[in-house]
């Protein structure tokens, strides 16, 4: 395992060579919920070979389902397509979920308006007199 800054990681994972030659075999990252709302937005579901996320998964079925999802407007059919994507991703995994987390936050009693969000937002915050 090697710790590194994000810029170094992004450069290194672009290489297809083995780790001994400056490439990589796995890396850990996190996504906010807004980045993974559906099969089209979820970057790690991209299985379009050389244009996919690092690791370059290549699966025509996943890509067919993602394209179908992108063009569908009927909510009931969207749900069925999303379920098919979930089944296919168990057969041809493009990534592995290691878990979910929530960032704890502590706020003084005289602070109001904190928005519950996947990232820290500082609008709507009001400091009341003690």
C-alpha atoms as a PDB file:
ATOM      1  CA  UNK A   1       0.000   0.000   0.000  1.00  0.00           C
ATOM      2  CA  UNK A   2       1.236   3.460  -0.859  1.00  0.00           C
ATOM      3  CA  UNK A   3      -0.262   6.691   0.415  1.00  0.00           C
ATOM      4  CA  UNK A   4      -0.193   9.562  -2.062  1.00  0.00           C
ATOM      5  CA  UNK A   5      -1.859  12.836  -2.867  1.00  0.00           C
ATOM      6  CA  UNK A   6      -4.817  12.821  -5.271  1.00  0.00           C
ATOM      7  CA  UNK A   7      -2.888  14.299  -8.228  1.00  0.00           C
ATOM      8  CA  UNK A   8      -0.267  11.544  -8.014  1.00  0.00           C
ATOM      9  CA  UNK A   9      -2.990   8.893  -7.772  1.00  0.00           C
ATOM     10  CA  UNK A  10      -4.839  10.246 -10.817  1.00  0.00           C
ATOM     11  CA  UNK A  11      -1.612  10.198 -12.826  1.00  0.00           C
ATOM     12  CA  UNK A  12      -0.689   6.709 -11.680  1.00  0.00           C
ATOM     13  CA  UNK A  13      -4.072   5.052 -12.276  1.00  0.00           C
ATOM     14  CA  UNK A  14      -4.031   6.296 -15.869  1.00  0.00           C
ATOM     15  CA  UNK A  15      -1.197   3.832 -16.531  1.00  0.00           C
ATOM     16  CA  UNK A  16      -2.061   0.286 -17.572  1.00  0.00           C
ATOM     17  CA  UNK A  17       1.332  -1.122 -16.570  1.00  0.00           C
ATOM     18  CA  UNK A  18       1.662  -3.440 -13.546  1.00  0.00           C
ATOM     19  CA  UNK A  19       2.492  -1.839 -10.167  1.00  0.00           C
ATOM     20  CA  UNK A  20       6.170  -2.813 -10.448  1.00  0.00           C
ATOM     21  CA  UNK A  21       6.366  -0.672 -13.592  1.00  0.00           C
ATOM     22  CA  UNK A  22       4.602   2.365 -12.124  1.00  0.00           C
ATOM     23  CA  UNK A  23       1.022   1.176 -12.656  1.00  0.00           C
ATOM     24  CA  UNK A  24      -1.502   0.149 -10.031  1.00  0.00           C
ATOM     25  CA  UNK A  25      -3.836  -2.677  -9.011  1.00  0.00           C
ATOM     26  CA  UNK A  26      -6.429  -1.008  -6.758  1.00  0.00           C
ATOM     27  CA  UNK A  27      -7.280   2.328  -5.188  1.00  0.00           C
ATOM     28  CA  UNK A  28      -9.819   3.557  -2.656  1.00  0.00           C
ATOM     29  CA  UNK A  29     -11.974   6.640  -3.103  1.00  0.00           C
ATOM     30  CA  UNK A  30     -15.391   7.933  -2.066  1.00  0.00           C
ATOM     31  CA  UNK A  31     -18.290   9.467  -3.947  1.00  0.00           C
ATOM     32  CA  UNK A  32     -21.037  11.748  -2.676  1.00  0.00           C
ATOM     33  CA  UNK A  33     -24.559  10.382  -3.055  1.00  0.00           C
ATOM     34  CA  UNK A  34     -25.341  13.018  -5.682  1.00  0.00           C
ATOM     35  CA  UNK A  35     -22.628  11.507  -7.919  1.00  0.00           C
ATOM     36  CA  UNK A  36     -24.139   8.018  -7.917  1.00  0.00           C
ATOM     37  CA  UNK A  37     -27.884   8.593  -8.210  1.00  0.00           C
ATOM     38  CA  UNK A  38     -28.483   6.355 -11.218  1.00  0.00           C
ATOM     39  CA  UNK A  39     -26.665   3.957 -13.580  1.00  0.00           C
ATOM     40  CA  UNK A  40     -25.765   6.748 -15.998  1.00  0.00           C
ATOM     41  CA  UNK A  41     -24.266   9.125 -13.420  1.00  0.00           C
ATOM     42  CA  UNK A  42     -22.357   6.434 -11.537  1.00  0.00           C
ATOM     43  CA  UNK A  43     -18.911   6.637 -13.087  1.00  0.00           C
ATOM     44  CA  UNK A  44     -17.781   3.273 -11.753  1.00  0.00           C
ATOM     45  CA  UNK A  45     -20.598   1.539 -13.655  1.00  0.00           C
ATOM     46  CA  UNK A  46     -19.094   2.717 -16.932  1.00  0.00           C
ATOM     47  CA  UNK A  47     -17.944  -0.431 -18.756  1.00  0.00           C
ATOM     48  CA  UNK A  48     -17.048   1.121 -22.112  1.00  0.00           C
ATOM     49  CA  UNK A  49     -13.557  -0.384 -22.321  1.00  0.00           C
ATOM     50  CA  UNK A  50     -10.806   2.165 -23.013  1.00  0.00           C
ATOM     51  CA  UNK A  51     -13.080   5.143 -22.211  1.00  0.00           C
ATOM     52  CA  UNK A  52     -14.308   3.653 -18.913  1.00  0.00           C
ATOM     53  CA  UNK A  53     -13.091   4.496 -15.431  1.00  0.00           C
ATOM     54  CA  UNK A  54      -9.676   3.269 -14.379  1.00  0.00           C
ATOM     55  CA  UNK A  55      -9.504  -0.475 -14.604  1.00  0.00           C
ATOM     56  CA  UNK A  56     -11.125  -0.129 -18.007  1.00  0.00           C
ATOM     57  CA  UNK A  57     -13.983  -2.599 -17.549  1.00  0.00           C
ATOM     58  CA  UNK A  58     -15.443  -3.704 -20.852  1.00  0.00           C
ATOM     59  CA  UNK A  59     -18.983  -5.109 -20.879  1.00  0.00           C
ATOM     60  CA  UNK A  60     -21.443  -4.489 -23.709  1.00  0.00           C
ATOM     61  CA  UNK A  61     -24.427  -5.573 -21.577  1.00  0.00           C
ATOM     62  CA  UNK A  62     -23.812  -3.000 -18.838  1.00  0.00           C
ATOM     63  CA  UNK A  63     -23.361  -0.306 -21.475  1.00  0.00           C
ATOM     64  CA  UNK A  64     -26.561  -1.380 -23.273  1.00  0.00           C
ATOM     65  CA  UNK A  65     -28.519  -1.138 -20.009  1.00  0.00           C
ATOM     66  CA  UNK A  66     -27.001   2.267 -19.126  1.00  0.00           C
ATOM     67  CA  UNK A  67     -27.902   3.561 -22.586  1.00  0.00           C
ATOM     68  CA  UNK A  68     -31.430   2.175 -22.210  1.00  0.00           C
ATOM     69  CA  UNK A  69     -31.736   3.929 -18.824  1.00  0.00           C
ATOM     70  CA  UNK A  70     -30.550   7.233 -20.317  1.00  0.00           C
ATOM     71  CA  UNK A  71     -33.238   7.163 -22.997  1.00  0.00           C
ATOM     72  CA  UNK A  72     -36.177   5.871 -20.924  1.00  0.00           C
ATOM     73  CA  UNK A  73     -38.757   8.271 -19.458  1.00  0.00           C
ATOM     74  CA  UNK A  74     -41.246   5.870 -17.865  1.00  0.00           C
ATOM     75  CA  UNK A  75     -40.459   5.576 -14.107  1.00  0.00           C
ATOM     76  CA  UNK A  76     -41.643   1.966 -13.905  1.00  0.00           C
ATOM     77  CA  UNK A  77     -39.375   0.929 -16.788  1.00  0.00           C
ATOM     78  CA  UNK A  78     -36.493   2.951 -15.316  1.00  0.00           C
ATOM     79  CA  UNK A  79     -36.818   0.940 -12.112  1.00  0.00           C
ATOM     80  CA  UNK A  80     -36.707  -2.333 -14.071  1.00  0.00           C
ATOM     81  CA  UNK A  81     -33.614  -1.216 -15.987  1.00  0.00           C
ATOM     82  CA  UNK A  82     -31.894  -0.131 -12.761  1.00  0.00           C
ATOM     83  CA  UNK A  83     -32.646  -3.561 -11.263  1.00  0.00           C
ATOM     84  CA  UNK A  84     -31.185  -5.233 -14.361  1.00  0.00           C
ATOM     85  CA  UNK A  85     -28.039  -3.106 -13.971  1.00  0.00           C
ATOM     86  CA  UNK A  86     -27.727  -4.204 -10.341  1.00  0.00           C
ATOM     87  CA  UNK A  87     -28.031  -7.858 -11.342  1.00  0.00           C
ATOM     88  CA  UNK A  88     -25.509  -7.488 -14.178  1.00  0.00           C
ATOM     89  CA  UNK A  89     -22.996  -5.677 -11.957  1.00  0.00           C
ATOM     90  CA  UNK A  90     -22.969  -8.736  -9.645  1.00  0.00           C
ATOM     91  CA  UNK A  91     -22.116 -10.890 -12.674  1.00  0.00           C
ATOM     92  CA  UNK A  92     -19.500  -8.499 -14.077  1.00  0.00           C
ATOM     93  CA  UNK A  93     -18.270  -6.250 -11.257  1.00  0.00           C
ATOM     94  CA  UNK A  94     -16.623  -2.993 -12.279  1.00  0.00           C
ATOM     95  CA  UNK A  95     -15.845  -1.962  -8.693  1.00  0.00           C
ATOM     96  CA  UNK A  96     -16.322  -3.071  -5.089  1.00  0.00           C
ATOM     97  CA  UNK A  97     -18.237  -1.123  -2.447  1.00  0.00           C
ATOM     98  CA  UNK A  98     -16.406  -1.182   0.856  1.00  0.00           C
ATOM     99  CA  UNK A  99     -19.182   0.515   2.792  1.00  0.00           C
ATOM    100  CA  UNK A 100     -21.050   3.714   3.436  1.00  0.00           C
ATOM    101  CA  UNK A 101     -20.241   6.466   5.880  1.00  0.00           C
ATOM    102  CA  UNK A 102     -21.710   9.621   7.270  1.00  0.00           C
ATOM    103  CA  UNK A 103     -19.584  12.555   8.348  1.00  0.00           C
ATOM    104  CA  UNK A 104     -20.432  13.460  11.946  1.00  0.00           C
ATOM    105  CA  UNK A 105     -20.739  17.139  12.768  1.00  0.00           C
ATOM    106  CA  UNK A 106     -20.860  19.083  16.009  1.00  0.00           C
ATOM    107  CA  UNK A 107     -22.464  22.544  16.164  1.00  0.00           C
ATOM    108  CA  UNK A 108     -22.625  25.041  18.997  1.00  0.00           C
ATOM    109  CA  UNK A 109     -26.064  25.613  20.506  1.00  0.00           C
ATOM    110  CA  UNK A 110     -26.267  29.192  19.253  1.00  0.00           C
ATOM    111  CA  UNK A 111     -25.854  28.177  15.575  1.00  0.00           C
ATOM    112  CA  UNK A 112     -29.015  27.622  13.503  1.00  0.00           C
ATOM    113  CA  UNK A 113     -29.717  26.801   9.872  1.00  0.00           C
ATOM    114  CA  UNK A 114     -27.201  24.006   9.291  1.00  0.00           C
ATOM    115  CA  UNK A 115     -28.260  22.109   6.161  1.00  0.00           C
ATOM    116  CA  UNK A 116     -28.069  18.321   6.235  1.00  0.00           C
ATOM    117  CA  UNK A 117     -26.171  17.508   3.041  1.00  0.00           C
ATOM    118  CA  UNK A 118     -23.516  15.098   1.748  1.00  0.00           C
ATOM    119  CA  UNK A 119     -20.971  17.941   1.858  1.00  0.00           C
ATOM    120  CA  UNK A 120     -20.486  20.897   4.184  1.00  0.00           C
ATOM    121  CA  UNK A 121     -22.551  23.900   3.111  1.00  0.00           C
ATOM    122  CA  UNK A 122     -22.314  27.166   4.973  1.00  0.00           C
ATOM    123  CA  UNK A 123     -25.251  29.125   3.603  1.00  0.00           C
ATOM    124  CA  UNK A 124     -28.380  29.761   5.667  1.00  0.00           C
ATOM    125  CA  UNK A 125     -26.292  29.624   8.863  1.00  0.00           C
ATOM    126  CA  UNK A 126     -27.154  32.042  11.628  1.00  0.00           C
ATOM    127  CA  UNK A 127     -25.302  32.720  14.861  1.00  0.00           C
ATOM    128  CA  UNK A 128     -27.696  33.730  17.633  1.00  0.00           C
ATOM    129  CA  UNK A 129     -26.661  35.712  20.671  1.00  0.00           C
ATOM    130  CA  UNK A 130     -26.070  33.582  23.743  1.00  0.00           C
END
